[in-house]
Amino acid sequence: MSVKDAVAKRFMDICYERNIKINELANLSGVTPSTAYSMMDKRRQDVSIITIKKFCDGLDITLGEFFSSPEFDNLEQEIK
């Protein structure tokens, strides 16, 4: 799993747990819905740490809480 896929999965899981939709996440975070949907798009390869921080702020969690998840513990090497 790539870092970008892990980030998208983590946000999807949190949204599912809290019963909120991606559009609501965008509104809570002060970003456009297109930004939120773009980040979840499997074709997009990169995500901005600033966008991740905004989503975390909207969900009222820290970056540490966000990244403290099994998805990030076993990521493949980015340098090949």
PDB file of N, CA and C in Angstrom:
ATOM      1  N   MET A   1       0.850  -1.176   0.000  1.00  0.00           N
ATOM      2  CA  MET A   1       0.000   0.000   0.000  1.00  0.00           C
ATOM      3  C   MET A   1       0.897   1.239   0.000  1.00  0.00           C
ATOM      4  N   SER A   2       0.543   2.205  -0.807  1.00  0.00           N
ATOM      5  CA  SER A   2       1.308   3.449  -0.864  1.00  0.00           C
ATOM      6  C   SER A   2       0.900   4.371   0.286  1.00  0.00           C
ATOM      7  N   VAL A   3       1.726   5.358   0.544  1.00  0.00           N
ATOM      8  CA  VAL A   3       1.419   6.345   1.591  1.00  0.00           C
ATOM      9  C   VAL A   3       0.107   7.044   1.275  1.00  0.00           C
ATOM     10  N   LYS A   4      -0.070   7.445   0.028  1.00  0.00           N
ATOM     11  CA  LYS A   4      -1.293   8.156  -0.369  1.00  0.00           C
ATOM     12  C   LYS A   4      -2.516   7.279  -0.140  1.00  0.00           C
ATOM     13  N   ASP A   5      -2.424   5.993  -0.490  1.00  0.00           N
ATOM     14  CA  ASP A   5      -3.548   5.083  -0.275  1.00  0.00           C
ATOM     15  C   ASP A   5      -3.830   4.890   1.211  1.00  0.00           C
ATOM     16  N   ALA A   6      -2.782   4.837   2.017  1.00  0.00           N
ATOM     17  CA  ALA A   6      -2.952   4.695   3.465  1.00  0.00           C
ATOM     18  C   ALA A   6      -3.637   5.923   4.058  1.00  0.00           C
ATOM     19  N   VAL A   7      -3.256   7.106   3.588  1.00  0.00           N
ATOM     20  CA  VAL A   7      -3.882   8.348   4.060  1.00  0.00           C
ATOM     21  C   VAL A   7      -5.364   8.352   3.699  1.00  0.00           C
ATOM     22  N   ALA A   8      -5.678   8.032   2.446  1.00  0.00           N
ATOM     23  CA  ALA A   8      -7.073   8.015   2.004  1.00  0.00           C
ATOM     24  C   ALA A   8      -7.874   6.988   2.795  1.00  0.00           C
ATOM     25  N   LYS A   9      -7.310   5.803   3.002  1.00  0.00           N
ATOM     26  CA  LYS A   9      -8.008   4.755   3.759  1.00  0.00           C
ATOM     27  C   LYS A   9      -8.262   5.201   5.192  1.00  0.00           C
ATOM     28  N   ARG A  10      -7.272   5.826   5.793  1.00  0.00           N
ATOM     29  CA  ARG A  10      -7.427   6.275   7.185  1.00  0.00           C
ATOM     30  C   ARG A  10      -8.552   7.300   7.304  1.00  0.00           C
ATOM     31  N   PHE A  11      -8.598   8.265   6.377  1.00  0.00           N
ATOM     32  CA  PHE A  11      -9.688   9.244   6.424  1.00  0.00           C
ATOM     33  C   PHE A  11     -11.034   8.583   6.154  1.00  0.00           C
ATOM     34  N   MET A  12     -11.071   7.644   5.227  1.00  0.00           N
ATOM     35  CA  MET A  12     -12.329   6.942   4.937  1.00  0.00           C
ATOM     36  C   MET A  12     -12.804   6.171   6.183  1.00  0.00           C
ATOM     37  N   ASP A  13     -11.868   5.514   6.865  1.00  0.00           N
ATOM     38  CA  ASP A  13     -12.222   4.762   8.073  1.00  0.00           C
ATOM     39  C   ASP A  13     -12.752   5.681   9.168  1.00  0.00           C
ATOM     40  N   ILE A  14     -12.101   6.813   9.370  1.00  0.00           N
ATOM     41  CA  ILE A  14     -12.556   7.761  10.397  1.00  0.00           C
ATOM     42  C   ILE A  14     -13.946   8.294  10.038  1.00  0.00           C
ATOM     43  N   CYS A  15     -14.142   8.628   8.776  1.00  0.00           N
ATOM     44  CA  CYS A  15     -15.457   9.116   8.344  1.00  0.00           C
ATOM     45  C   CYS A  15     -16.527   8.041   8.566  1.00  0.00           C
ATOM     46  N   TYR A  16     -16.196   6.814   8.249  1.00  0.00           N
ATOM     47  CA  TYR A  16     -17.149   5.720   8.457  1.00  0.00           C
ATOM     48  C   TYR A  16     -17.487   5.578   9.948  1.00  0.00           C
ATOM     49  N   GLU A  17     -16.445   5.603  10.806  1.00  0.00           N
ATOM     50  CA  GLU A  17     -16.652   5.479  12.251  1.00  0.00           C
ATOM     51  C   GLU A  17     -17.546   6.598  12.793  1.00  0.00           C
ATOM     52  N   ARG A  18     -17.400   7.786  12.223  1.00  0.00           N
ATOM     53  CA  ARG A  18     -18.151   8.952  12.709  1.00  0.00           C
ATOM     54  C   ARG A  18     -19.430   9.201  11.917  1.00  0.00           C
ATOM     55  N   ASN A  19     -19.669   8.329  10.955  1.00  0.00           N
ATOM     56  CA  ASN A  19     -20.876   8.419  10.130  1.00  0.00           C
ATOM     57  C   ASN A  19     -20.975   9.775   9.420  1.00  0.00           C
ATOM     58  N   ILE A  20     -19.846  10.211   8.833  1.00  0.00           N
ATOM     59  CA  ILE A  20     -19.867  11.435   8.040  1.00  0.00           C
ATOM     60  C   ILE A  20     -19.388  11.131   6.621  1.00  0.00           C
ATOM     61  N   LYS A  21     -19.864  11.903   5.699  1.00  0.00           N
ATOM     62  CA  LYS A  21     -19.500  11.732   4.296  1.00  0.00           C
ATOM     63  C   LYS A  21     -18.301  12.619   3.967  1.00  0.00           C
ATOM     64  N   ILE A  22     -17.659  12.306   2.854  1.00  0.00           N
ATOM     65  CA  ILE A  22     -16.482  13.068   2.427  1.00  0.00           C
ATOM     66  C   ILE A  22     -16.827  14.548   2.255  1.00  0.00           C
ATOM     67  N   ASN A  23     -17.999  14.818   1.724  1.00  0.00           N
ATOM     68  CA  ASN A  23     -18.440  16.209   1.559  1.00  0.00           C
ATOM     69  C   ASN A  23     -18.505  16.920   2.915  1.00  0.00           C
ATOM     70  N   GLU A  24     -18.985  16.234   3.931  1.00  0.00           N
ATOM     71  CA  GLU A  24     -19.046  16.810   5.280  1.00  0.00           C
ATOM     72  C   GLU A  24     -17.639  17.040   5.842  1.00  0.00           C
ATOM     73  N   LEU A  25     -16.731  16.103   5.561  1.00  0.00           N
ATOM     74  CA  LEU A  25     -15.351  16.270   5.990  1.00  0.00           C
ATOM     75  C   LEU A  25     -14.760  17.541   5.384  1.00  0.00           C
ATOM     76  N   ALA A  26     -15.036  17.765   4.122  1.00  0.00           N
ATOM     77  CA  ALA A  26     -14.561  18.980   3.460  1.00  0.00           C
ATOM     78  C   ALA A  26     -15.100  20.220   4.159  1.00  0.00           C
ATOM     79  N   ASN A  27     -16.386  20.235   4.431  1.00  0.00           N
ATOM     80  CA  ASN A  27     -17.005  21.387   5.096  1.00  0.00           C
ATOM     81  C   ASN A  27     -16.431  21.620   6.493  1.00  0.00           C
ATOM     82  N   LEU A  28     -16.242  20.545   7.251  1.00  0.00           N
ATOM     83  CA  LEU A  28     -15.665  20.664   8.597  1.00  0.00           C
ATOM     84  C   LEU A  28     -14.239  21.191   8.555  1.00  0.00           C
ATOM     85  N   SER A  29     -13.549  20.888   7.460  1.00  0.00           N
ATOM     86  CA  SER A  29     -12.122  21.199   7.351  1.00  0.00           C
ATOM     87  C   SER A  29     -11.823  22.501   6.635  1.00  0.00           C
ATOM     88  N   GLY A  30     -12.832  23.123   6.075  1.00  0.00           N
ATOM     89  CA  GLY A  30     -12.622  24.380   5.374  1.00  0.00           C
ATOM     90  C   GLY A  30     -11.940  24.224   4.026  1.00  0.00           C
ATOM     91  N   VAL A  31     -12.114  23.068   3.402  1.00  0.00           N
ATOM     92  CA  VAL A  31     -11.586  22.849   2.053  1.00  0.00           C
ATOM     93  C   VAL A  31     -12.758  22.588   1.116  1.00  0.00           C
ATOM     94  N   THR A  32     -12.505  22.697  -0.161  1.00  0.00           N
ATOM     95  CA  THR A  32     -13.575  22.453  -1.120  1.00  0.00           C
ATOM     96  C   THR A  32     -13.857  20.949  -1.208  1.00  0.00           C
ATOM     97  N   PRO A  33     -15.103  20.590  -1.498  1.00  0.00           N
ATOM     98  CA  PRO A  33     -15.408  19.179  -1.696  1.00  0.00           C
ATOM     99  C   PRO A  33     -14.542  18.546  -2.780  1.00  0.00           C
ATOM    100  N   SER A  34     -14.211  19.308  -3.819  1.00  0.00           N
ATOM    101  CA  SER A  34     -13.382  18.733  -4.884  1.00  0.00           C
ATOM    102  C   SER A  34     -11.994  18.360  -4.359  1.00  0.00           C
ATOM    103  N   THR A  35     -11.465  19.126  -3.414  1.00  0.00           N
ATOM    104  CA  THR A  35     -10.176  18.782  -2.803  1.00  0.00           C
ATOM    105  C   THR A  35     -10.286  17.471  -2.039  1.00  0.00           C
ATOM    106  N   ALA A  36     -11.355  17.321  -1.280  1.00  0.00           N
ATOM    107  CA  ALA A  36     -11.552  16.096  -0.500  1.00  0.00           C
ATOM    108  C   ALA A  36     -11.720  14.889  -1.415  1.00  0.00           C
ATOM    109  N   TYR A  37     -12.559  15.003  -2.421  1.00  0.00           N
ATOM    110  CA  TYR A  37     -12.776  13.880  -3.338  1.00  0.00           C
ATOM    111  C   TYR A  37     -11.510  13.572  -4.139  1.00  0.00           C
ATOM    112  N   SER A  38     -10.755  14.595  -4.479  1.00  0.00           N
ATOM    113  CA  SER A  38      -9.512  14.399  -5.217  1.00  0.00           C
ATOM    114  C   SER A  38      -8.516  13.593  -4.394  1.00  0.00           C
ATOM    115  N   MET A  39      -8.449  13.874  -3.094  1.00  0.00           N
ATOM    116  CA  MET A  39      -7.521  13.136  -2.255  1.00  0.00           C
ATOM    117  C   MET A  39      -7.893  11.658  -2.162  1.00  0.00           C
ATOM    118  N   MET A  40      -9.159  11.353  -2.248  1.00  0.00           N
ATOM    119  CA  MET A  40      -9.608   9.961  -2.155  1.00  0.00           C
ATOM    120  C   MET A  40      -9.475   9.215  -3.491  1.00  0.00           C
ATOM    121  N   ASP A  41      -9.250   9.951  -4.564  1.00  0.00           N
ATOM    122  CA  ASP A  41      -9.157   9.370  -5.901  1.00  0.00           C
ATOM    123  C   ASP A  41      -7.893   8.525  -6.033  1.00  0.00           C
ATOM    124  N   LYS A  42      -8.060   7.262  -6.398  1.00  0.00           N
ATOM    125  CA  LYS A  42      -6.928   6.351  -6.518  1.00  0.00           C
ATOM    126  C   LYS A  42      -5.956   6.762  -7.617  1.00  0.00           C
ATOM    127  N   ARG A  43      -6.407   7.530  -8.573  1.00  0.00           N
ATOM    128  CA  ARG A  43      -5.522   7.953  -9.669  1.00  0.00           C
ATOM    129  C   ARG A  43      -4.560   9.054  -9.233  1.00  0.00           C
ATOM    130  N   ARG A  44      -4.906   9.770  -8.195  1.00  0.00           N
ATOM    131  CA  ARG A  44      -4.033  10.844  -7.705  1.00  0.00           C
ATOM    132  C   ARG A  44      -2.941  10.231  -6.835  1.00  0.00           C
ATOM    133  N   GLN A  45      -1.716  10.656  -7.038  1.00  0.00           N
ATOM    134  CA  GLN A  45      -0.584  10.036  -6.352  1.00  0.00           C
ATOM    135  C   GLN A  45      -0.100  10.782  -5.122  1.00  0.00           C
ATOM    136  N   ASP A  46      -0.234  12.090  -5.095  1.00  0.00           N
ATOM    137  CA  ASP A  46       0.331  12.878  -4.001  1.00  0.00           C
ATOM    138  C   ASP A  46      -0.762  13.568  -3.193  1.00  0.00           C
ATOM    139  N   VAL A  47      -0.484  13.722  -1.910  1.00  0.00           N
ATOM    140  CA  VAL A  47      -1.361  14.497  -1.034  1.00  0.00           C
ATOM    141  C   VAL A  47      -0.509  15.494  -0.266  1.00  0.00           C
ATOM    142  N   SER A  48      -1.093  16.607   0.051  1.00  0.00           N
ATOM    143  CA  SER A  48      -0.394  17.669   0.768  1.00  0.00           C
ATOM    144  C   SER A  48      -0.539  17.465   2.271  1.00  0.00           C
ATOM    145  N   ILE A  49       0.554  17.642   2.999  1.00  0.00           N
ATOM    146  CA  ILE A  49       0.492  17.546   4.456  1.00  0.00           C
ATOM    147  C   ILE A  49      -0.388  18.662   5.018  1.00  0.00           C
ATOM    148  N   ILE A  50      -0.462  19.778   4.330  1.00  0.00           N
ATOM    149  CA  ILE A  50      -1.332  20.874   4.773  1.00  0.00           C
ATOM    150  C   ILE A  50      -2.797  20.444   4.673  1.00  0.00           C
ATOM    151  N   THR A  51      -3.159  19.755   3.602  1.00  0.00           N
ATOM    152  CA  THR A  51      -4.529  19.254   3.468  1.00  0.00           C
ATOM    153  C   THR A  51      -4.818  18.207   4.535  1.00  0.00           C
ATOM    154  N   ILE A  52      -3.870  17.322   4.785  1.00  0.00           N
ATOM    155  CA  ILE A  52      -4.043  16.324   5.840  1.00  0.00           C
ATOM    156  C   ILE A  52      -4.278  17.024   7.175  1.00  0.00           C
ATOM    157  N   LYS A  53      -3.488  18.057   7.455  1.00  0.00           N
ATOM    158  CA  LYS A  53      -3.645  18.809   8.714  1.00  0.00           C
ATOM    159  C   LYS A  53      -5.015  19.468   8.799  1.00  0.00           C
ATOM    160  N   LYS A  54      -5.487  20.028   7.703  1.00  0.00           N
ATOM    161  CA  LYS A  54      -6.820  20.648   7.700  1.00  0.00           C
ATOM    162  C   LYS A  54      -7.904  19.616   7.984  1.00  0.00           C
ATOM    163  N   PHE A  55      -7.781  18.435   7.381  1.00  0.00           N
ATOM    164  CA  PHE A  55      -8.762  17.379   7.643  1.00  0.00           C
ATOM    165  C   PHE A  55      -8.696  16.949   9.105  1.00  0.00           C
ATOM    166  N   CYS A  56      -7.491  16.823   9.641  1.00  0.00           N
ATOM    167  CA  CYS A  56      -7.352  16.465  11.053  1.00  0.00           C
ATOM    168  C   CYS A  56      -7.974  17.534  11.944  1.00  0.00           C
ATOM    169  N   ASP A  57      -7.738  18.803  11.619  1.00  0.00           N
ATOM    170  CA  ASP A  57      -8.354  19.888  12.386  1.00  0.00           C
ATOM    171  C   ASP A  57      -9.873  19.790  12.339  1.00  0.00           C
ATOM    172  N   GLY A  58     -10.416  19.520  11.156  1.00  0.00           N
ATOM    173  CA  GLY A  58     -11.863  19.392  11.005  1.00  0.00           C
ATOM    174  C   GLY A  58     -12.434  18.229  11.801  1.00  0.00           C
ATOM    175  N   LEU A  59     -11.631  17.183  11.955  1.00  0.00           N
ATOM    176  CA  LEU A  59     -12.061  16.009  12.720  1.00  0.00           C
ATOM    177  C   LEU A  59     -11.691  16.112  14.198  1.00  0.00           C
ATOM    178  N   ASP A  60     -11.015  17.216  14.555  1.00  0.00           N
ATOM    179  CA  ASP A  60     -10.578  17.463  15.928  1.00  0.00           C
ATOM    180  C   ASP A  60      -9.650  16.359  16.440  1.00  0.00           C
ATOM    181  N   ILE A  61      -8.682  15.981  15.584  1.00  0.00           N
ATOM    182  CA  ILE A  61      -7.649  15.036  15.984  1.00  0.00           C
ATOM    183  C   ILE A  61      -6.285  15.630  15.623  1.00  0.00           C
ATOM    184  N   THR A  62      -5.256  15.161  16.285  1.00  0.00           N
ATOM    185  CA  THR A  62      -3.908  15.632  15.988  1.00  0.00           C
ATOM    186  C   THR A  62      -3.317  14.810  14.841  1.00  0.00           C
ATOM    187  N   LEU A  63      -2.259  15.337  14.257  1.00  0.00           N
ATOM    188  CA  LEU A  63      -1.546  14.562  13.234  1.00  0.00           C
ATOM    189  C   LEU A  63      -1.010  13.268  13.842  1.00  0.00           C
ATOM    190  N   GLY A  64      -0.562  13.337  15.080  1.00  0.00           N
ATOM    191  CA  GLY A  64      -0.069  12.136  15.763  1.00  0.00           C
ATOM    192  C   GLY A  64      -1.138  11.070  15.881  1.00  0.00           C
ATOM    193  N   GLU A  65      -2.349  11.487  16.259  1.00  0.00           N
ATOM    194  CA  GLU A  65      -3.460  10.533  16.351  1.00  0.00           C
ATOM    195  C   GLU A  65      -3.785   9.952  14.979  1.00  0.00           C
ATOM    196  N   PHE A  66      -3.742  10.807  13.965  1.00  0.00           N
ATOM    197  CA  PHE A  66      -4.051  10.340  12.616  1.00  0.00           C
ATOM    198  C   PHE A  66      -3.057   9.284  12.152  1.00  0.00           C
ATOM    199  N   PHE A  67      -1.777   9.572  12.327  1.00  0.00           N
ATOM    200  CA  PHE A  67      -0.740   8.664  11.817  1.00  0.00           C
ATOM    201  C   PHE A  67      -0.464   7.482  12.743  1.00  0.00           C
ATOM    202  N   SER A  68      -1.040   7.486  13.938  1.00  0.00           N
ATOM    203  CA  SER A  68      -0.877   6.364  14.857  1.00  0.00           C
ATOM    204  C   SER A  68      -1.910   5.298  14.531  1.00  0.00           C
ATOM    205  N   SER A  69      -1.636   4.594  13.446  1.00  0.00           N
ATOM    206  CA  SER A  69      -2.576   3.614  12.928  1.00  0.00           C
ATOM    207  C   SER A  69      -1.796   2.529  12.202  1.00  0.00           C
ATOM    208  N   PRO A  70      -2.277   1.295  12.245  1.00  0.00           N
ATOM    209  CA  PRO A  70      -1.553   0.194  11.591  1.00  0.00           C
ATOM    210  C   PRO A  70      -1.289   0.411  10.097  1.00  0.00           C
ATOM    211  N   GLU A  71      -2.137   1.196   9.430  1.00  0.00           N
ATOM    212  CA  GLU A  71      -1.928   1.434   8.001  1.00  0.00           C
ATOM    213  C   GLU A  71      -0.538   2.004   7.708  1.00  0.00           C
ATOM    214  N   PHE A  72      -0.012   2.767   8.657  1.00  0.00           N
ATOM    215  CA  PHE A  72       1.258   3.453   8.430  1.00  0.00           C
ATOM    216  C   PHE A  72       2.468   2.675   8.949  1.00  0.00           C
ATOM    217  N   ASP A  73       2.226   1.582   9.659  1.00  0.00           N
ATOM    218  CA  ASP A  73       3.326   0.822  10.239  1.00  0.00           C
ATOM    219  C   ASP A  73       4.041  -0.090   9.246  1.00  0.00           C
ATOM    220  N   ASN A  74       3.355  -0.533   8.220  1.00  0.00           N
ATOM    221  CA  ASN A  74       3.925  -1.514   7.304  1.00  0.00           C
ATOM    222  C   ASN A  74       3.941  -1.044   5.863  1.00  0.00           C
ATOM    223  N   LEU A  75       4.167   0.234   5.662  1.00  0.00           N
ATOM    224  CA  LEU A  75       4.195   0.774   4.305  1.00  0.00           C
ATOM    225  C   LEU A  75       5.439   0.309   3.564  1.00  0.00           C
ATOM    226  N   GLU A  76       5.283   0.145   2.270  1.00  0.00           N
ATOM    227  CA  GLU A  76       6.435  -0.242   1.455  1.00  0.00           C
ATOM    228  C   GLU A  76       7.383   0.948   1.289  1.00  0.00           C
ATOM    229  N   GLN A  77       8.613   0.648   0.960  1.00  0.00           N
ATOM    230  CA  GLN A  77       9.618   1.678   0.744  1.00  0.00           C
ATOM    231  C   GLN A  77       9.220   2.582  -0.413  1.00  0.00           C
ATOM    232  N   GLU A  78       9.386   3.879  -0.239  1.00  0.00           N
ATOM    233  CA  GLU A  78       9.141   4.827  -1.328  1.00  0.00           C
ATOM    234  C   GLU A  78      10.371   4.963  -2.212  1.00  0.00           C
ATOM    235  N   ILE A  79      11.538   4.686  -1.654  1.00  0.00           N
ATOM    236  CA  ILE A  79      12.787   4.766  -2.431  1.00  0.00           C
ATOM    237  C   ILE A  79      13.063   3.383  -3.000  1.00  0.00           C
ATOM    238  N   LYS A  80      13.140   3.316  -4.300  1.00  0.00           N
ATOM    239  CA  LYS A  80      13.356   2.010  -4.958  1.00  0.00           C
ATOM    240  C   LYS A  80      14.531   2.056  -5.865  1.00  0.00           C
TER     241      LYS A  80
END
